[in-house]
Amino acid sequence: MEAYQIIILVALLLLFVYVGAFLLILSNSLAFSRRLRKRAQAMLVLIYEKQEVLLSWFELLEKEKAPFSEEDLRLFSSVKGMNLAKPSVEEWTACLSSFKEAQMRLGFLSEEAELDDSHEEKSSYVSALHDLDFNYRQSSAVYNADVVAYNYWISIPGFSWLLFLFGFRKKTALN
């Protein structure tokens, strides 16, 4: 075997190893990308449910003639009008912050309206919100773990530029 043939054989072998490693990295990146999309959709469902529960609790307080300030009415109209079709991380965080503020305000208004824990509807709303918060915390922890794995796979040296050309970009973890 000639020297140039050995060089060509080694070069082809290295190319084969590189392409094989790239395909492995590409498949893992695609898998985590799909996972992240599904987890984000699941968390959006939880957020929509939380929005519905908050608005139902607000309607209950309206029926009970609770005293609302202008700030309260503005807060609940913003909660009602939130559009979460494809939120960015900043919009997601702002939405959750508004929901938390609305939940705290509803608790305070319930105490002012003398709706105690024996009120069945209020208790069901509080319980549903606790369950939704628990599920959201679990889902966001798993989502953040997948973001870390995804970012790892797309940033492997020697392959990151190819993945960038294929449209893979770093994702941001949720707070």
C-alpha atoms as a PDB file:
ATOM      1  CA  MET A   1       0.000   0.000   0.000  1.00  0.00           C
ATOM      2  CA  GLU A   2       1.361   3.382  -1.017  1.00  0.00           C
ATOM      3  CA  ALA A   3       1.820   6.270   1.429  1.00  0.00           C
ATOM      4  CA  TYR A   4      -0.796   8.465  -0.294  1.00  0.00           C
ATOM      5  CA  GLN A   5      -3.328   5.602  -0.033  1.00  0.00           C
ATOM      6  CA  ILE A   6      -2.735   5.353   3.720  1.00  0.00           C
ATOM      7  CA  ILE A   7      -3.207   9.123   4.049  1.00  0.00           C
ATOM      8  CA  ILE A   8      -6.463   8.976   2.080  1.00  0.00           C
ATOM      9  CA  LEU A   9      -7.665   6.016   4.151  1.00  0.00           C
ATOM     10  CA  VAL A  10      -6.898   7.820   7.434  1.00  0.00           C
ATOM     11  CA  ALA A  11      -8.575  11.005   6.138  1.00  0.00           C
ATOM     12  CA  LEU A  12     -11.699   9.052   5.119  1.00  0.00           C
ATOM     13  CA  LEU A  13     -11.744   7.290   8.481  1.00  0.00           C
ATOM     14  CA  LEU A  14     -11.522  10.634  10.326  1.00  0.00           C
ATOM     15  CA  LEU A  15     -14.245  12.074   8.087  1.00  0.00           C
ATOM     16  CA  PHE A  16     -16.434   9.045   8.812  1.00  0.00           C
ATOM     17  CA  VAL A  17     -15.902   9.469  12.576  1.00  0.00           C
ATOM     18  CA  TYR A  18     -16.655  13.204  12.328  1.00  0.00           C
ATOM     19  CA  VAL A  19     -19.871  12.644  10.354  1.00  0.00           C
ATOM     20  CA  GLY A  20     -20.936   9.885  12.755  1.00  0.00           C
ATOM     21  CA  ALA A  21     -20.324  12.114  15.783  1.00  0.00           C
ATOM     22  CA  PHE A  22     -22.191  14.957  14.068  1.00  0.00           C
ATOM     23  CA  LEU A  23     -25.196  12.730  13.406  1.00  0.00           C
ATOM     24  CA  LEU A  24     -25.222  11.653  17.065  1.00  0.00           C
ATOM     25  CA  ILE A  25     -25.067  15.259  18.246  1.00  0.00           C
ATOM     26  CA  LEU A  26     -27.716  16.321  15.725  1.00  0.00           C
ATOM     27  CA  SER A  27     -30.111  13.576  16.806  1.00  0.00           C
ATOM     28  CA  ASN A  28     -29.697  14.453  20.491  1.00  0.00           C
ATOM     29  CA  SER A  29     -30.148  18.158  19.749  1.00  0.00           C
ATOM     30  CA  LEU A  30     -33.331  17.440  17.810  1.00  0.00           C
ATOM     31  CA  ALA A  31     -34.639  15.199  20.588  1.00  0.00           C
ATOM     32  CA  PHE A  32     -34.098  17.857  23.255  1.00  0.00           C
ATOM     33  CA  SER A  33     -35.562  20.528  20.992  1.00  0.00           C
ATOM     34  CA  ARG A  34     -38.762  18.466  20.612  1.00  0.00           C
ATOM     35  CA  ARG A  35     -38.831  17.806  24.360  1.00  0.00           C
ATOM     36  CA  LEU A  36     -38.504  21.496  25.131  1.00  0.00           C
ATOM     37  CA  ARG A  37     -41.343  22.356  22.769  1.00  0.00           C
ATOM     38  CA  LYS A  38     -43.631  19.769  24.380  1.00  0.00           C
ATOM     39  CA  ARG A  39     -42.725  20.845  27.911  1.00  0.00           C
ATOM     40  CA  ALA A  40     -43.318  24.504  27.048  1.00  0.00           C
ATOM     41  CA  GLN A  41     -46.753  23.619  25.675  1.00  0.00           C
ATOM     42  CA  ALA A  42     -47.585  21.677  28.834  1.00  0.00           C
ATOM     43  CA  MET A  43     -46.549  24.618  31.003  1.00  0.00           C
ATOM     44  CA  LEU A  44     -48.655  26.956  28.859  1.00  0.00           C
ATOM     45  CA  VAL A  45     -51.668  24.776  29.593  1.00  0.00           C
ATOM     46  CA  LEU A  46     -50.955  25.172  33.316  1.00  0.00           C
ATOM     47  CA  ILE A  47     -50.682  28.933  32.887  1.00  0.00           C
ATOM     48  CA  TYR A  48     -53.985  29.091  30.980  1.00  0.00           C
ATOM     49  CA  GLU A  49     -55.643  27.053  33.725  1.00  0.00           C
ATOM     50  CA  LYS A  50     -54.241  29.378  36.371  1.00  0.00           C
ATOM     51  CA  GLN A  51     -55.578  32.357  34.450  1.00  0.00           C
ATOM     52  CA  GLU A  52     -59.032  30.772  34.328  1.00  0.00           C
ATOM     53  CA  VAL A  53     -59.038  29.992  38.058  1.00  0.00           C
ATOM     54  CA  LEU A  54     -57.922  33.524  38.929  1.00  0.00           C
ATOM     55  CA  LEU A  55     -60.646  35.036  36.767  1.00  0.00           C
ATOM     56  CA  SER A  56     -63.262  32.702  38.272  1.00  0.00           C
ATOM     57  CA  TRP A  57     -62.176  33.713  41.770  1.00  0.00           C
ATOM     58  CA  PHE A  58     -62.402  37.363  40.716  1.00  0.00           C
ATOM     59  CA  GLU A  59     -65.963  36.780  39.442  1.00  0.00           C
ATOM     60  CA  LEU A  60     -66.845  35.145  42.767  1.00  0.00           C
ATOM     61  CA  LEU A  61     -65.652  38.238  44.597  1.00  0.00           C
ATOM     62  CA  GLU A  62     -67.670  40.411  42.211  1.00  0.00           C
ATOM     63  CA  LYS A  63     -70.787  38.369  43.104  1.00  0.00           C
ATOM     64  CA  GLU A  64     -69.980  38.814  46.794  1.00  0.00           C
ATOM     65  CA  LYS A  65     -69.635  42.570  46.172  1.00  0.00           C
ATOM     66  CA  ALA A  66     -66.032  42.826  47.362  1.00  0.00           C
ATOM     67  CA  PRO A  67     -64.546  46.346  47.319  1.00  0.00           C
ATOM     68  CA  PHE A  68     -62.259  46.715  44.288  1.00  0.00           C
ATOM     69  CA  SER A  69     -59.898  49.628  43.784  1.00  0.00           C
ATOM     70  CA  GLU A  70     -59.032  51.022  40.360  1.00  0.00           C
ATOM     71  CA  GLU A  71     -55.663  49.284  40.641  1.00  0.00           C
ATOM     72  CA  ASP A  72     -57.394  45.946  41.269  1.00  0.00           C
ATOM     73  CA  LEU A  73     -59.641  46.385  38.245  1.00  0.00           C
ATOM     74  CA  ARG A  74     -56.649  47.312  36.083  1.00  0.00           C
ATOM     75  CA  LEU A  75     -54.705  44.287  37.352  1.00  0.00           C
ATOM     76  CA  PHE A  76     -57.546  41.870  36.578  1.00  0.00           C
ATOM     77  CA  SER A  77     -58.236  43.378  33.176  1.00  0.00           C
ATOM     78  CA  SER A  78     -54.537  42.873  32.342  1.00  0.00           C
ATOM     79  CA  VAL A  79     -54.736  39.272  33.596  1.00  0.00           C
ATOM     80  CA  LYS A  80     -57.822  38.733  31.460  1.00  0.00           C
ATOM     81  CA  GLY A  81     -56.246  40.261  28.363  1.00  0.00           C
ATOM     82  CA  MET A  82     -52.946  38.381  28.456  1.00  0.00           C
ATOM     83  CA  ASN A  83     -52.112  36.720  25.164  1.00  0.00           C
ATOM     84  CA  LEU A  84     -49.733  33.802  25.571  1.00  0.00           C
ATOM     85  CA  ALA A  85     -49.666  32.434  22.054  1.00  0.00           C
ATOM     86  CA  LYS A  86     -45.854  32.195  21.817  1.00  0.00           C
ATOM     87  CA  PRO A  87     -44.370  34.053  24.752  1.00  0.00           C
ATOM     88  CA  SER A  88     -40.722  34.932  25.109  1.00  0.00           C
ATOM     89  CA  VAL A  89     -38.994  34.230  28.412  1.00  0.00           C
ATOM     90  CA  GLU A  90     -39.512  37.874  29.444  1.00  0.00           C
ATOM     91  CA  GLU A  91     -43.244  37.758  28.627  1.00  0.00           C
ATOM     92  CA  TRP A  92     -43.515  34.446  30.456  1.00  0.00           C
ATOM     93  CA  THR A  93     -41.885  35.917  33.571  1.00  0.00           C
ATOM     94  CA  ALA A  94     -44.039  39.062  33.428  1.00  0.00           C
ATOM     95  CA  CYS A  95     -47.176  36.929  33.095  1.00  0.00           C
ATOM     96  CA  LEU A  96     -46.272  34.785  36.086  1.00  0.00           C
ATOM     97  CA  SER A  97     -45.471  37.892  38.097  1.00  0.00           C
ATOM     98  CA  SER A  98     -48.893  39.386  37.271  1.00  0.00           C
ATOM     99  CA  PHE A  99     -50.602  36.128  38.183  1.00  0.00           C
ATOM    100  CA  LYS A 100     -48.785  35.975  41.506  1.00  0.00           C
ATOM    101  CA  GLU A 101     -49.752  39.562  42.269  1.00  0.00           C
ATOM    102  CA  ALA A 102     -53.380  38.843  41.309  1.00  0.00           C
ATOM    103  CA  GLN A 103     -53.432  35.712  43.477  1.00  0.00           C
ATOM    104  CA  MET A 104     -52.109  37.614  46.487  1.00  0.00           C
ATOM    105  CA  ARG A 105     -54.587  40.435  45.880  1.00  0.00           C
ATOM    106  CA  LEU A 106     -57.497  37.978  45.600  1.00  0.00           C
ATOM    107  CA  GLY A 107     -56.502  36.418  48.914  1.00  0.00           C
ATOM    108  CA  PHE A 108     -56.479  39.828  50.558  1.00  0.00           C
ATOM    109  CA  LEU A 109     -59.822  40.808  48.993  1.00  0.00           C
ATOM    110  CA  SER A 110     -61.345  37.508  50.118  1.00  0.00           C
ATOM    111  CA  GLU A 111     -60.387  38.297  53.689  1.00  0.00           C
ATOM    112  CA  GLU A 112     -61.853  41.794  53.365  1.00  0.00           C
ATOM    113  CA  ALA A 113     -65.082  40.365  51.938  1.00  0.00           C
ATOM    114  CA  GLU A 114     -65.081  37.892  54.852  1.00  0.00           C
ATOM    115  CA  LEU A 115     -64.933  34.826  52.645  1.00  0.00           C
ATOM    116  CA  ASP A 116     -63.415  32.320  55.023  1.00  0.00           C
ATOM    117  CA  ASP A 117     -62.065  28.880  54.252  1.00  0.00           C
ATOM    118  CA  SER A 118     -65.490  27.351  54.788  1.00  0.00           C
ATOM    119  CA  HIS A 119     -66.694  29.021  51.582  1.00  0.00           C
ATOM    120  CA  GLU A 120     -66.681  26.086  49.194  1.00  0.00           C
ATOM    121  CA  GLU A 121     -65.937  27.924  45.937  1.00  0.00           C
ATOM    122  CA  LYS A 122     -63.080  29.941  47.423  1.00  0.00           C
ATOM    123  CA  SER A 123     -61.555  26.808  48.933  1.00  0.00           C
ATOM    124  CA  SER A 124     -61.717  25.010  45.596  1.00  0.00           C
ATOM    125  CA  TYR A 125     -60.014  27.955  43.845  1.00  0.00           C
ATOM    126  CA  VAL A 126     -57.260  28.113  46.460  1.00  0.00           C
ATOM    127  CA  SER A 127     -56.741  24.366  46.251  1.00  0.00           C
ATOM    128  CA  ALA A 128     -56.642  24.447  42.447  1.00  0.00           C
ATOM    129  CA  LEU A 129     -54.121  27.281  42.494  1.00  0.00           C
ATOM    130  CA  HIS A 130     -51.882  25.407  44.933  1.00  0.00           C
ATOM    131  CA  ASP A 131     -52.012  22.317  42.716  1.00  0.00           C
ATOM    132  CA  LEU A 132     -51.284  24.357  39.585  1.00  0.00           C
ATOM    133  CA  ASP A 133     -48.353  26.095  41.283  1.00  0.00           C
ATOM    134  CA  PHE A 134     -46.933  22.763  42.425  1.00  0.00           C
ATOM    135  CA  ASN A 135     -47.268  21.253  38.939  1.00  0.00           C
ATOM    136  CA  TYR A 136     -45.770  24.352  37.349  1.00  0.00           C
ATOM    137  CA  ARG A 137     -42.748  24.274  39.660  1.00  0.00           C
ATOM    138  CA  GLN A 138     -42.156  20.623  38.794  1.00  0.00           C
ATOM    139  CA  SER A 139     -42.597  21.232  35.080  1.00  0.00           C
ATOM    140  CA  SER A 140     -40.318  24.258  35.046  1.00  0.00           C
ATOM    141  CA  ALA A 141     -37.585  22.339  36.894  1.00  0.00           C
ATOM    142  CA  VAL A 142     -37.708  19.569  34.284  1.00  0.00           C
ATOM    143  CA  TYR A 143     -37.848  22.167  31.484  1.00  0.00           C
ATOM    144  CA  ASN A 144     -34.765  23.933  32.882  1.00  0.00           C
ATOM    145  CA  ALA A 145     -32.892  20.629  33.117  1.00  0.00           C
ATOM    146  CA  ASP A 146     -33.724  19.957  29.463  1.00  0.00           C
ATOM    147  CA  VAL A 147     -32.549  23.466  28.526  1.00  0.00           C
ATOM    148  CA  VAL A 148     -29.189  22.731  30.125  1.00  0.00           C
ATOM    149  CA  ALA A 149     -28.904  19.431  28.219  1.00  0.00           C
ATOM    150  CA  TYR A 150     -29.981  21.043  24.938  1.00  0.00           C
ATOM    151  CA  ASN A 151     -27.467  23.874  25.353  1.00  0.00           C
ATOM    152  CA  TYR A 152     -24.760  21.290  26.099  1.00  0.00           C
ATOM    153  CA  TRP A 153     -25.441  19.335  22.919  1.00  0.00           C
ATOM    154  CA  ILE A 154     -25.500  22.378  20.645  1.00  0.00           C
ATOM    155  CA  SER A 155     -22.303  23.854  22.093  1.00  0.00           C
ATOM    156  CA  ILE A 156     -19.937  20.907  21.606  1.00  0.00           C
ATOM    157  CA  PRO A 157     -16.721  22.267  20.100  1.00  0.00           C
ATOM    158  CA  GLY A 158     -16.155  21.385  16.472  1.00  0.00           C
ATOM    159  CA  PHE A 159     -19.865  20.932  15.798  1.00  0.00           C
ATOM    160  CA  SER A 160     -21.524  24.059  17.209  1.00  0.00           C
ATOM    161  CA  TRP A 161     -20.986  26.047  14.025  1.00  0.00           C
ATOM    162  CA  LEU A 162     -22.752  23.373  11.965  1.00  0.00           C
ATOM    163  CA  LEU A 163     -25.648  23.253  14.393  1.00  0.00           C
ATOM    164  CA  PHE A 164     -25.829  27.048  14.275  1.00  0.00           C
ATOM    165  CA  LEU A 165     -26.162  26.798  10.482  1.00  0.00           C
ATOM    166  CA  PHE A 166     -29.015  24.320  10.971  1.00  0.00           C
ATOM    167  CA  GLY A 167     -30.837  26.874  13.153  1.00  0.00           C
ATOM    168  CA  PHE A 168     -30.059  25.619  16.642  1.00  0.00           C
ATOM    169  CA  ARG A 169     -29.770  28.528  19.091  1.00  0.00           C
ATOM    170  CA  LYS A 170     -29.131  28.604  22.827  1.00  0.00           C
ATOM    171  CA  LYS A 171     -32.277  28.544  24.946  1.00  0.00           C
ATOM    172  CA  THR A 172     -32.830  30.464  28.151  1.00  0.00           C
ATOM    173  CA  ALA A 173     -33.943  28.710  31.318  1.00  0.00           C
ATOM    174  CA  LEU A 174     -37.044  29.924  33.125  1.00  0.00           C
ATOM    175  CA  ASN A 175     -36.808  31.540  36.525  1.00  0.00           C
END
